[in-house]
Amino acid sequence: MDVKGTVALVTGGASGLGAATARRLFDGGASVVLVDLPSSAGAALAEELNASGAPGKAAVFSPADVTSEVEVQAAVDTAAGLGPLRIVVNCAGIATPGKVLGRDGVLPLEVFNRVVQVNLVGTFNVLRLAAAAMVATEPAVTALGGPERGVIINTASVAAFEGQIGQPAYAASKGAVAAMTLPVARELARSLVRVVSIAPGIFETPMMAGLPQEAQDSLGAQVPHPSRLGKPDEYASLVAHIVDNAMLNGETIRLDGAIRMGPK
């Protein structure tokens, strides 16, 4: 599917993987709706993109908590108002650690619930509302001649497969994102909408930026090849390929430099 002339909605779009993805899609010719918390840098990024972009496309910040039906619906409506919503990329997420039995006692249920709410329920909330908008559009014609309405790309994690100690909530939420990829892709296939998930390994993100450089280097050294942290632009590059390649559907793609996480 050609990005040019389409509309993309990117959650977690103000920083990290989401910001890199928004830039990539905008540079490719799409209008972009950045969905992130009101306190984020979303408005500043939208202003920056608009200042650098060509006429005929726009970047819009739509502040939202992905767990809010009202706020996400408003973001989807904003996207649909710009043109045909063809691309949705779910990058919003949190990684609050916590052992089942930690130093301070049993893991509070509200901590577990919050991670699952944002990472899983938030992803599904965006997916379902965006899918409804997508199926209402006229199909586009791909480069190879087939019809397509759009693609929804979710972010899982290698923790979905090799969760570490202290990651029960995070691993559960990301494992569920991976697990729902195929059934949703099968359902939406009749509507000409694809669903794909990306499972990143250890990437340079705002969460990683808070660690000392020595710790970041140590984590990067665990990656077999290339032996470094992944870069947000590499995630964005895979998003662009998924959008372009209509045969990618119903799959969770690892983007991890061949790392297999140890227990801790």
C-alpha atoms as a PDB file:
ATOM      1  CA  MET A   1       0.000   0.000   0.000  1.00  0.00           C
ATOM      2  CA  ASP A   2       1.318   3.408  -0.947  1.00  0.00           C
ATOM      3  CA  VAL A   3       1.754   5.713   2.048  1.00  0.00           C
ATOM      4  CA  LYS A   4       1.386   8.907   0.030  1.00  0.00           C
ATOM      5  CA  GLY A   5      -2.001  10.548   0.381  1.00  0.00           C
ATOM      6  CA  THR A   6      -3.119   8.345   3.266  1.00  0.00           C
ATOM      7  CA  VAL A   7      -3.730   9.151   6.922  1.00  0.00           C
ATOM      8  CA  ALA A   8      -1.834   7.409   9.719  1.00  0.00           C
ATOM      9  CA  LEU A   9      -2.637   7.356  13.421  1.00  0.00           C
ATOM     10  CA  VAL A  10       0.293   6.631  15.743  1.00  0.00           C
ATOM     11  CA  THR A  11      -0.131   6.121  19.481  1.00  0.00           C
ATOM     12  CA  GLY A  12       2.787   6.897  21.740  1.00  0.00           C
ATOM     13  CA  GLY A  13       3.609   9.201  18.852  1.00  0.00           C
ATOM     14  CA  ALA A  14       5.381  11.921  20.806  1.00  0.00           C
ATOM     15  CA  SER A  15       8.589  10.023  21.552  1.00  0.00           C
ATOM     16  CA  GLY A  16      10.650   6.898  20.971  1.00  0.00           C
ATOM     17  CA  LEU A  17       9.354   4.301  18.533  1.00  0.00           C
ATOM     18  CA  GLY A  18       6.143   6.227  17.922  1.00  0.00           C
ATOM     19  CA  ALA A  19       7.859   9.504  17.071  1.00  0.00           C
ATOM     20  CA  ALA A  20      10.268   7.783  14.671  1.00  0.00           C
ATOM     21  CA  THR A  21       7.334   6.035  13.015  1.00  0.00           C
ATOM     22  CA  ALA A  22       5.348   9.257  12.708  1.00  0.00           C
ATOM     23  CA  ARG A  23       8.321  10.989  11.078  1.00  0.00           C
ATOM     24  CA  ARG A  24       8.841   8.116   8.650  1.00  0.00           C
ATOM     25  CA  LEU A  25       5.200   8.016   7.562  1.00  0.00           C
ATOM     26  CA  PHE A  26       4.970  11.805   7.321  1.00  0.00           C
ATOM     27  CA  ASP A  27       8.132  11.937   5.210  1.00  0.00           C
ATOM     28  CA  GLY A  28       6.569   9.271   2.996  1.00  0.00           C
ATOM     29  CA  GLY A  29       3.606  11.502   2.231  1.00  0.00           C
ATOM     30  CA  ALA A  30       1.014  10.576   4.856  1.00  0.00           C
ATOM     31  CA  SER A  31      -0.870  12.926   7.110  1.00  0.00           C
ATOM     32  CA  VAL A  32      -0.231  11.844  10.689  1.00  0.00           C
ATOM     33  CA  VAL A  33      -2.286  12.036  13.863  1.00  0.00           C
ATOM     34  CA  LEU A  34      -0.044  11.823  16.920  1.00  0.00           C
ATOM     35  CA  VAL A  35      -1.807  10.289  19.904  1.00  0.00           C
ATOM     36  CA  ASP A  36      -0.119  10.692  23.269  1.00  0.00           C
ATOM     37  CA  LEU A  37      -0.768  12.047  26.740  1.00  0.00           C
ATOM     38  CA  PRO A  38      -1.540  15.770  27.099  1.00  0.00           C
ATOM     39  CA  SER A  39       1.726  16.247  28.995  1.00  0.00           C
ATOM     40  CA  SER A  40       3.808  14.796  26.146  1.00  0.00           C
ATOM     41  CA  ALA A  41       5.753  16.589  23.423  1.00  0.00           C
ATOM     42  CA  GLY A  42       3.110  15.699  20.836  1.00  0.00           C
ATOM     43  CA  ALA A  43       2.113  19.280  20.044  1.00  0.00           C
ATOM     44  CA  ALA A  44       5.741  20.313  19.543  1.00  0.00           C
ATOM     45  CA  LEU A  45       6.417  17.358  17.238  1.00  0.00           C
ATOM     46  CA  ALA A  46       3.313  18.103  15.165  1.00  0.00           C
ATOM     47  CA  GLU A  47       4.444  21.708  14.798  1.00  0.00           C
ATOM     48  CA  GLU A  48       7.916  20.571  13.752  1.00  0.00           C
ATOM     49  CA  LEU A  49       6.562  18.169  11.142  1.00  0.00           C
ATOM     50  CA  ASN A  50       4.189  20.743   9.696  1.00  0.00           C
ATOM     51  CA  ALA A  51       7.030  23.248   9.383  1.00  0.00           C
ATOM     52  CA  SER A  52       9.067  20.740   7.380  1.00  0.00           C
ATOM     53  CA  GLY A  53       6.286  19.146   5.335  1.00  0.00           C
ATOM     54  CA  ALA A  54       4.985  19.744   1.842  1.00  0.00           C
ATOM     55  CA  PRO A  55       1.481  21.083   1.127  1.00  0.00           C
ATOM     56  CA  GLY A  56      -1.297  18.512   1.058  1.00  0.00           C
ATOM     57  CA  LYS A  57      -0.432  16.710   4.267  1.00  0.00           C
ATOM     58  CA  ALA A  58      -0.699  17.576   7.932  1.00  0.00           C
ATOM     59  CA  ALA A  59       0.503  16.485  11.352  1.00  0.00           C
ATOM     60  CA  VAL A  60      -2.021  16.835  14.165  1.00  0.00           C
ATOM     61  CA  PHE A  61      -1.623  16.164  17.875  1.00  0.00           C
ATOM     62  CA  SER A  62      -4.651  14.517  19.467  1.00  0.00           C
ATOM     63  CA  PRO A  63      -4.039  14.195  23.229  1.00  0.00           C
ATOM     64  CA  ALA A  64      -5.448  10.968  24.606  1.00  0.00           C
ATOM     65  CA  ASP A  65      -5.082   8.174  27.108  1.00  0.00           C
ATOM     66  CA  VAL A  66      -5.329   5.020  25.004  1.00  0.00           C
ATOM     67  CA  THR A  67      -7.540   3.397  27.641  1.00  0.00           C
ATOM     68  CA  SER A  68     -10.203   6.102  27.165  1.00  0.00           C
ATOM     69  CA  GLU A  69     -12.903   5.253  24.635  1.00  0.00           C
ATOM     70  CA  VAL A  70     -13.976   8.892  24.339  1.00  0.00           C
ATOM     71  CA  GLU A  71     -10.464  10.262  23.813  1.00  0.00           C
ATOM     72  CA  VAL A  72      -9.415   7.563  21.346  1.00  0.00           C
ATOM     73  CA  GLN A  73     -12.642   7.970  19.379  1.00  0.00           C
ATOM     74  CA  ALA A  74     -11.906  11.693  19.136  1.00  0.00           C
ATOM     75  CA  ALA A  75      -8.436  10.905  17.769  1.00  0.00           C
ATOM     76  CA  VAL A  76      -9.874   8.469  15.223  1.00  0.00           C
ATOM     77  CA  ASP A  77     -12.450  11.063  14.164  1.00  0.00           C
ATOM     78  CA  THR A  78      -9.661  13.603  13.740  1.00  0.00           C
ATOM     79  CA  ALA A  79      -7.766  11.166  11.527  1.00  0.00           C
ATOM     80  CA  ALA A  80     -10.832  10.343   9.443  1.00  0.00           C
ATOM     81  CA  GLY A  81     -11.423  14.056   8.955  1.00  0.00           C
ATOM     82  CA  LEU A  82      -8.043  14.388   7.243  1.00  0.00           C
ATOM     83  CA  GLY A  83      -8.711  11.680   4.656  1.00  0.00           C
ATOM     84  CA  PRO A  84      -8.856   7.886   4.424  1.00  0.00           C
ATOM     85  CA  LEU A  85      -7.446   6.317   7.595  1.00  0.00           C
ATOM     86  CA  ARG A  86      -5.225   3.539   6.227  1.00  0.00           C
ATOM     87  CA  ILE A  87      -2.464   3.084   8.801  1.00  0.00           C
ATOM     88  CA  VAL A  88      -2.609   2.642  12.573  1.00  0.00           C
ATOM     89  CA  VAL A  89       0.499   1.984  14.650  1.00  0.00           C
ATOM     90  CA  ASN A  90       0.129   1.231  18.357  1.00  0.00           C
ATOM     91  CA  CYS A  91       3.312   2.244  20.188  1.00  0.00           C
ATOM     92  CA  ALA A  92       1.855   3.488  23.475  1.00  0.00           C
ATOM     93  CA  GLY A  93       2.938   1.373  26.416  1.00  0.00           C
ATOM     94  CA  ILE A  94       4.438   1.235  29.886  1.00  0.00           C
ATOM     95  CA  ALA A  95       6.894  -1.188  31.467  1.00  0.00           C
ATOM     96  CA  THR A  96       6.402  -0.889  35.214  1.00  0.00           C
ATOM     97  CA  PRO A  97       8.498  -3.701  36.760  1.00  0.00           C
ATOM     98  CA  GLY A  98       7.489  -5.699  39.784  1.00  0.00           C
ATOM     99  CA  LYS A  99       8.113  -9.148  41.208  1.00  0.00           C
ATOM    100  CA  VAL A 100       5.190 -11.227  42.423  1.00  0.00           C
ATOM    101  CA  LEU A 101       6.901 -11.301  45.824  1.00  0.00           C
ATOM    102  CA  GLY A 102       9.120  -8.241  46.057  1.00  0.00           C
ATOM    103  CA  ARG A 103      11.040  -6.544  48.847  1.00  0.00           C
ATOM    104  CA  ASP A 104       7.932  -4.607  49.828  1.00  0.00           C
ATOM    105  CA  GLY A 105       5.654  -7.634  49.768  1.00  0.00           C
ATOM    106  CA  VAL A 106       3.141  -8.941  47.256  1.00  0.00           C
ATOM    107  CA  LEU A 107       2.872  -7.089  43.936  1.00  0.00           C
ATOM    108  CA  PRO A 108      -0.087  -4.698  44.237  1.00  0.00           C
ATOM    109  CA  LEU A 109      -2.907  -5.744  41.962  1.00  0.00           C
ATOM    110  CA  GLU A 110      -3.378  -2.166  40.767  1.00  0.00           C
ATOM    111  CA  VAL A 111       0.192  -2.163  39.404  1.00  0.00           C
ATOM    112  CA  PHE A 112      -0.461  -5.326  37.408  1.00  0.00           C
ATOM    113  CA  ASN A 113      -3.820  -4.014  36.218  1.00  0.00           C
ATOM    114  CA  ARG A 114      -2.403  -0.678  35.068  1.00  0.00           C
ATOM    115  CA  VAL A 115       0.232  -2.313  32.856  1.00  0.00           C
ATOM    116  CA  VAL A 116      -2.357  -4.621  31.309  1.00  0.00           C
ATOM    117  CA  GLN A 117      -4.817  -1.751  30.867  1.00  0.00           C
ATOM    118  CA  VAL A 118      -2.360   0.417  28.953  1.00  0.00           C
ATOM    119  CA  ASN A 119      -0.476  -2.212  26.959  1.00  0.00           C
ATOM    120  CA  LEU A 120      -3.262  -4.652  26.138  1.00  0.00           C
ATOM    121  CA  VAL A 121      -6.617  -2.962  26.669  1.00  0.00           C
ATOM    122  CA  GLY A 122      -5.286   0.325  25.290  1.00  0.00           C
ATOM    123  CA  THR A 123      -3.981  -1.418  22.179  1.00  0.00           C
ATOM    124  CA  PHE A 124      -7.286  -3.205  21.652  1.00  0.00           C
ATOM    125  CA  ASN A 125      -9.249  -0.012  22.282  1.00  0.00           C
ATOM    126  CA  VAL A 126      -7.371   1.788  19.510  1.00  0.00           C
ATOM    127  CA  LEU A 127      -7.517  -1.247  17.233  1.00  0.00           C
ATOM    128  CA  ARG A 128     -11.282  -1.702  17.459  1.00  0.00           C
ATOM    129  CA  LEU A 129     -12.194   1.967  17.006  1.00  0.00           C
ATOM    130  CA  ALA A 130      -9.705   2.462  14.180  1.00  0.00           C
ATOM    131  CA  ALA A 131     -10.881  -0.712  12.448  1.00  0.00           C
ATOM    132  CA  ALA A 132     -14.439   0.628  12.426  1.00  0.00           C
ATOM    133  CA  ALA A 133     -13.224   3.778  10.677  1.00  0.00           C
ATOM    134  CA  MET A 134     -11.104   1.819   8.209  1.00  0.00           C
ATOM    135  CA  VAL A 135     -13.872  -0.489   7.053  1.00  0.00           C
ATOM    136  CA  ALA A 136     -16.018   2.558   6.269  1.00  0.00           C
ATOM    137  CA  THR A 137     -13.523   3.748   3.634  1.00  0.00           C
ATOM    138  CA  GLU A 138     -13.380   2.820  -0.026  1.00  0.00           C
ATOM    139  CA  PRO A 139     -10.652   0.247  -0.696  1.00  0.00           C
ATOM    140  CA  ALA A 140      -7.393   1.468  -2.179  1.00  0.00           C
ATOM    141  CA  VAL A 141      -5.635  -0.372  -4.997  1.00  0.00           C
ATOM    142  CA  THR A 142      -2.174  -1.675  -4.124  1.00  0.00           C
ATOM    143  CA  ALA A 143       0.828  -1.614  -6.443  1.00  0.00           C
ATOM    144  CA  LEU A 144       0.138  -5.244  -7.371  1.00  0.00           C
ATOM    145  CA  GLY A 145      -3.501  -4.516  -8.128  1.00  0.00           C
ATOM    146  CA  GLY A 146      -5.236  -5.936  -5.063  1.00  0.00           C
ATOM    147  CA  PRO A 147      -7.726  -3.964  -2.976  1.00  0.00           C
ATOM    148  CA  GLU A 148      -6.846  -2.956   0.573  1.00  0.00           C
ATOM    149  CA  ARG A 149      -8.426  -0.708   3.183  1.00  0.00           C
ATOM    150  CA  GLY A 150      -5.585  -0.490   5.644  1.00  0.00           C
ATOM    151  CA  VAL A 151      -3.187  -2.047   8.113  1.00  0.00           C
ATOM    152  CA  ILE A 152      -3.044  -2.011  11.908  1.00  0.00           C
ATOM    153  CA  ILE A 153       0.388  -2.561  13.443  1.00  0.00           C
ATOM    154  CA  ASN A 154       0.660  -3.355  17.147  1.00  0.00           C
ATOM    155  CA  THR A 155       3.747  -3.399  19.348  1.00  0.00           C
ATOM    156  CA  ALA A 156       4.399  -6.571  21.321  1.00  0.00           C
ATOM    157  CA  SER A 157       7.852  -7.345  22.769  1.00  0.00           C
ATOM    158  CA  VAL A 158      10.356 -10.166  23.036  1.00  0.00           C
ATOM    159  CA  ALA A 159       9.100 -10.298  26.629  1.00  0.00           C
ATOM    160  CA  ALA A 160       6.003 -11.931  25.158  1.00  0.00           C
ATOM    161  CA  PHE A 161       8.181 -14.997  24.572  1.00  0.00           C
ATOM    162  CA  GLU A 162      11.020 -14.675  27.124  1.00  0.00           C
ATOM    163  CA  GLY A 163       9.708 -12.613  29.985  1.00  0.00           C
ATOM    164  CA  GLN A 164      12.248 -11.926  32.697  1.00  0.00           C
ATOM    165  CA  ILE A 165      11.963 -11.951  36.475  1.00  0.00           C
ATOM    166  CA  GLY A 166      10.062  -8.839  37.468  1.00  0.00           C
ATOM    167  CA  GLN A 167       8.062  -8.718  34.234  1.00  0.00           C
ATOM    168  CA  PRO A 168       4.881 -10.721  34.934  1.00  0.00           C
ATOM    169  CA  ALA A 169       2.576  -7.820  34.058  1.00  0.00           C
ATOM    170  CA  TYR A 170       4.600  -6.591  31.094  1.00  0.00           C
ATOM    171  CA  ALA A 171       5.132 -10.079  29.646  1.00  0.00           C
ATOM    172  CA  ALA A 172       1.466 -10.963  30.101  1.00  0.00           C
ATOM    173  CA  SER A 173       0.318  -7.786  28.372  1.00  0.00           C
ATOM    174  CA  LYS A 174       2.701  -8.146  25.446  1.00  0.00           C
ATOM    175  CA  GLY A 175       2.040 -11.871  25.132  1.00  0.00           C
ATOM    176  CA  ALA A 176      -1.645 -11.077  24.793  1.00  0.00           C
ATOM    177  CA  VAL A 177      -0.944  -8.497  22.080  1.00  0.00           C
ATOM    178  CA  ALA A 178       0.921 -11.172  20.125  1.00  0.00           C
ATOM    179  CA  ALA A 179      -1.818 -13.737  20.779  1.00  0.00           C
ATOM    180  CA  MET A 180      -4.644 -11.579  19.449  1.00  0.00           C
ATOM    181  CA  THR A 181      -2.811 -10.726  16.217  1.00  0.00           C
ATOM    182  CA  LEU A 182      -3.877 -13.776  14.212  1.00  0.00           C
ATOM    183  CA  PRO A 183      -7.537 -13.990  15.269  1.00  0.00           C
ATOM    184  CA  VAL A 184      -8.091 -10.289  14.608  1.00  0.00           C
ATOM    185  CA  ALA A 185      -6.257 -10.516  11.277  1.00  0.00           C
ATOM    186  CA  ARG A 186      -8.475 -13.434  10.283  1.00  0.00           C
ATOM    187  CA  GLU A 187     -11.617 -11.527  11.226  1.00  0.00           C
ATOM    188  CA  LEU A 188     -10.680  -8.285   9.477  1.00  0.00           C
ATOM    189  CA  ALA A 189      -9.395 -10.017   6.343  1.00  0.00           C
ATOM    190  CA  ARG A 190     -12.914 -10.006   4.885  1.00  0.00           C
ATOM    191  CA  SER A 191     -12.875  -6.220   5.289  1.00  0.00           C
ATOM    192  CA  LEU A 192      -9.489  -5.926   3.536  1.00  0.00           C
ATOM    193  CA  VAL A 193      -7.676  -4.780   6.693  1.00  0.00           C
ATOM    194  CA  ARG A 194      -4.393  -6.384   7.755  1.00  0.00           C
ATOM    195  CA  VAL A 195      -3.141  -6.794  11.332  1.00  0.00           C
ATOM    196  CA  VAL A 196       0.536  -7.326  12.149  1.00  0.00           C
ATOM    197  CA  SER A 197       2.537  -7.052  15.375  1.00  0.00           C
ATOM    198  CA  ILE A 198       6.181  -6.183  15.912  1.00  0.00           C
ATOM    199  CA  ALA A 199       8.062  -7.647  18.887  1.00  0.00           C
ATOM    200  CA  PRO A 200      11.053  -5.360  19.483  1.00  0.00           C
ATOM    201  CA  GLY A 201      14.057  -6.437  21.497  1.00  0.00           C
ATOM    202  CA  ILE A 202      16.120  -3.904  23.451  1.00  0.00           C
ATOM    203  CA  PHE A 203      15.711  -0.487  21.833  1.00  0.00           C
ATOM    204  CA  GLU A 204      16.764   3.083  22.470  1.00  0.00           C
ATOM    205  CA  THR A 205      13.621   4.545  24.010  1.00  0.00           C
ATOM    206  CA  PRO A 206      12.874   7.192  26.649  1.00  0.00           C
ATOM    207  CA  MET A 207      12.702   4.375  29.211  1.00  0.00           C
ATOM    208  CA  MET A 208      16.216   3.259  28.265  1.00  0.00           C
ATOM    209  CA  ALA A 209      17.511   6.827  28.230  1.00  0.00           C
ATOM    210  CA  GLY A 210      16.988   6.976  31.986  1.00  0.00           C
ATOM    211  CA  LEU A 211      19.620   4.286  32.544  1.00  0.00           C
ATOM    212  CA  PRO A 212      23.330   5.081  32.975  1.00  0.00           C
ATOM    213  CA  GLN A 213      25.325   4.770  29.748  1.00  0.00           C
ATOM    214  CA  GLU A 214      27.240   1.831  31.247  1.00  0.00           C
ATOM    215  CA  ALA A 215      23.973  -0.039  31.776  1.00  0.00           C
ATOM    216  CA  GLN A 216      22.814   0.746  28.235  1.00  0.00           C
ATOM    217  CA  ASP A 217      26.108  -0.505  26.803  1.00  0.00           C
ATOM    218  CA  SER A 218      25.816  -3.691  28.859  1.00  0.00           C
ATOM    219  CA  LEU A 219      22.330  -4.352  27.532  1.00  0.00           C
ATOM    220  CA  GLY A 220      23.422  -3.686  23.963  1.00  0.00           C
ATOM    221  CA  ALA A 221      26.304  -6.134  24.337  1.00  0.00           C
ATOM    222  CA  GLN A 222      23.779  -8.917  24.994  1.00  0.00           C
ATOM    223  CA  VAL A 223      22.439  -8.611  21.442  1.00  0.00           C
ATOM    224  CA  PRO A 224      24.233 -11.133  19.172  1.00  0.00           C
ATOM    225  CA  HIS A 225      24.290  -8.988  16.021  1.00  0.00           C
ATOM    226  CA  PRO A 226      24.276  -6.074  15.687  1.00  0.00           C
ATOM    227  CA  SER A 227      25.642  -5.919  19.226  1.00  0.00           C
ATOM    228  CA  ARG A 228      23.935  -2.708  20.312  1.00  0.00           C
ATOM    229  CA  LEU A 229      20.550  -1.298  21.225  1.00  0.00           C
ATOM    230  CA  GLY A 230      18.033  -1.092  18.424  1.00  0.00           C
ATOM    231  CA  LYS A 231      17.283   2.343  17.032  1.00  0.00           C
ATOM    232  CA  PRO A 232      13.766   3.771  16.705  1.00  0.00           C
ATOM    233  CA  ASP A 233      14.385   4.387  12.994  1.00  0.00           C
ATOM    234  CA  GLU A 234      14.884   0.628  12.547  1.00  0.00           C
ATOM    235  CA  TYR A 235      11.459   0.018  14.062  1.00  0.00           C
ATOM    236  CA  ALA A 236       9.991   2.704  11.795  1.00  0.00           C
ATOM    237  CA  SER A 237      11.651   1.088   8.789  1.00  0.00           C
ATOM    238  CA  LEU A 238       9.913  -2.206   9.542  1.00  0.00           C
ATOM    239  CA  VAL A 239       6.596  -0.391   9.907  1.00  0.00           C
ATOM    240  CA  ALA A 240       7.094   1.132   6.458  1.00  0.00           C
ATOM    241  CA  HIS A 241       7.849  -2.293   4.986  1.00  0.00           C
ATOM    242  CA  ILE A 242       4.765  -3.838   6.584  1.00  0.00           C
ATOM    243  CA  VAL A 243       2.623  -1.070   5.123  1.00  0.00           C
ATOM    244  CA  ASP A 244       4.148  -1.649   1.692  1.00  0.00           C
ATOM    245  CA  ASN A 245       4.040  -5.470   1.676  1.00  0.00           C
ATOM    246  CA  ALA A 246       0.442  -6.684   1.440  1.00  0.00           C
ATOM    247  CA  MET A 247       1.400 -10.307   2.150  1.00  0.00           C
ATOM    248  CA  LEU A 248       2.434  -9.486   5.706  1.00  0.00           C
ATOM    249  CA  ASN A 249      -0.638 -10.268   7.765  1.00  0.00           C
ATOM    250  CA  GLY A 250      -1.510 -12.106  10.974  1.00  0.00           C
ATOM    251  CA  GLU A 251       2.103 -12.380  12.101  1.00  0.00           C
ATOM    252  CA  THR A 252       4.225 -11.167  15.005  1.00  0.00           C
ATOM    253  CA  ILE A 253       7.669 -10.215  13.712  1.00  0.00           C
ATOM    254  CA  ARG A 254      10.644 -10.217  16.075  1.00  0.00           C
ATOM    255  CA  LEU A 255      12.963  -7.240  15.632  1.00  0.00           C
ATOM    256  CA  ASP A 256      15.693  -8.106  18.081  1.00  0.00           C
ATOM    257  CA  GLY A 257      19.133  -8.830  16.591  1.00  0.00           C
ATOM    258  CA  ALA A 258      18.679 -12.531  17.511  1.00  0.00           C
ATOM    259  CA  ILE A 259      18.590 -11.876  21.263  1.00  0.00           C
ATOM    260  CA  ARG A 260      16.886 -14.394  23.537  1.00  0.00           C
ATOM    261  CA  MET A 261      16.355 -12.863  26.941  1.00  0.00           C
ATOM    262  CA  GLY A 262      17.721 -14.604  30.029  1.00  0.00           C
ATOM    263  CA  PRO A 263      15.780 -14.976  33.271  1.00  0.00           C
ATOM    264  CA  LYS A 264      17.081 -11.622  34.588  1.00  0.00           C
END
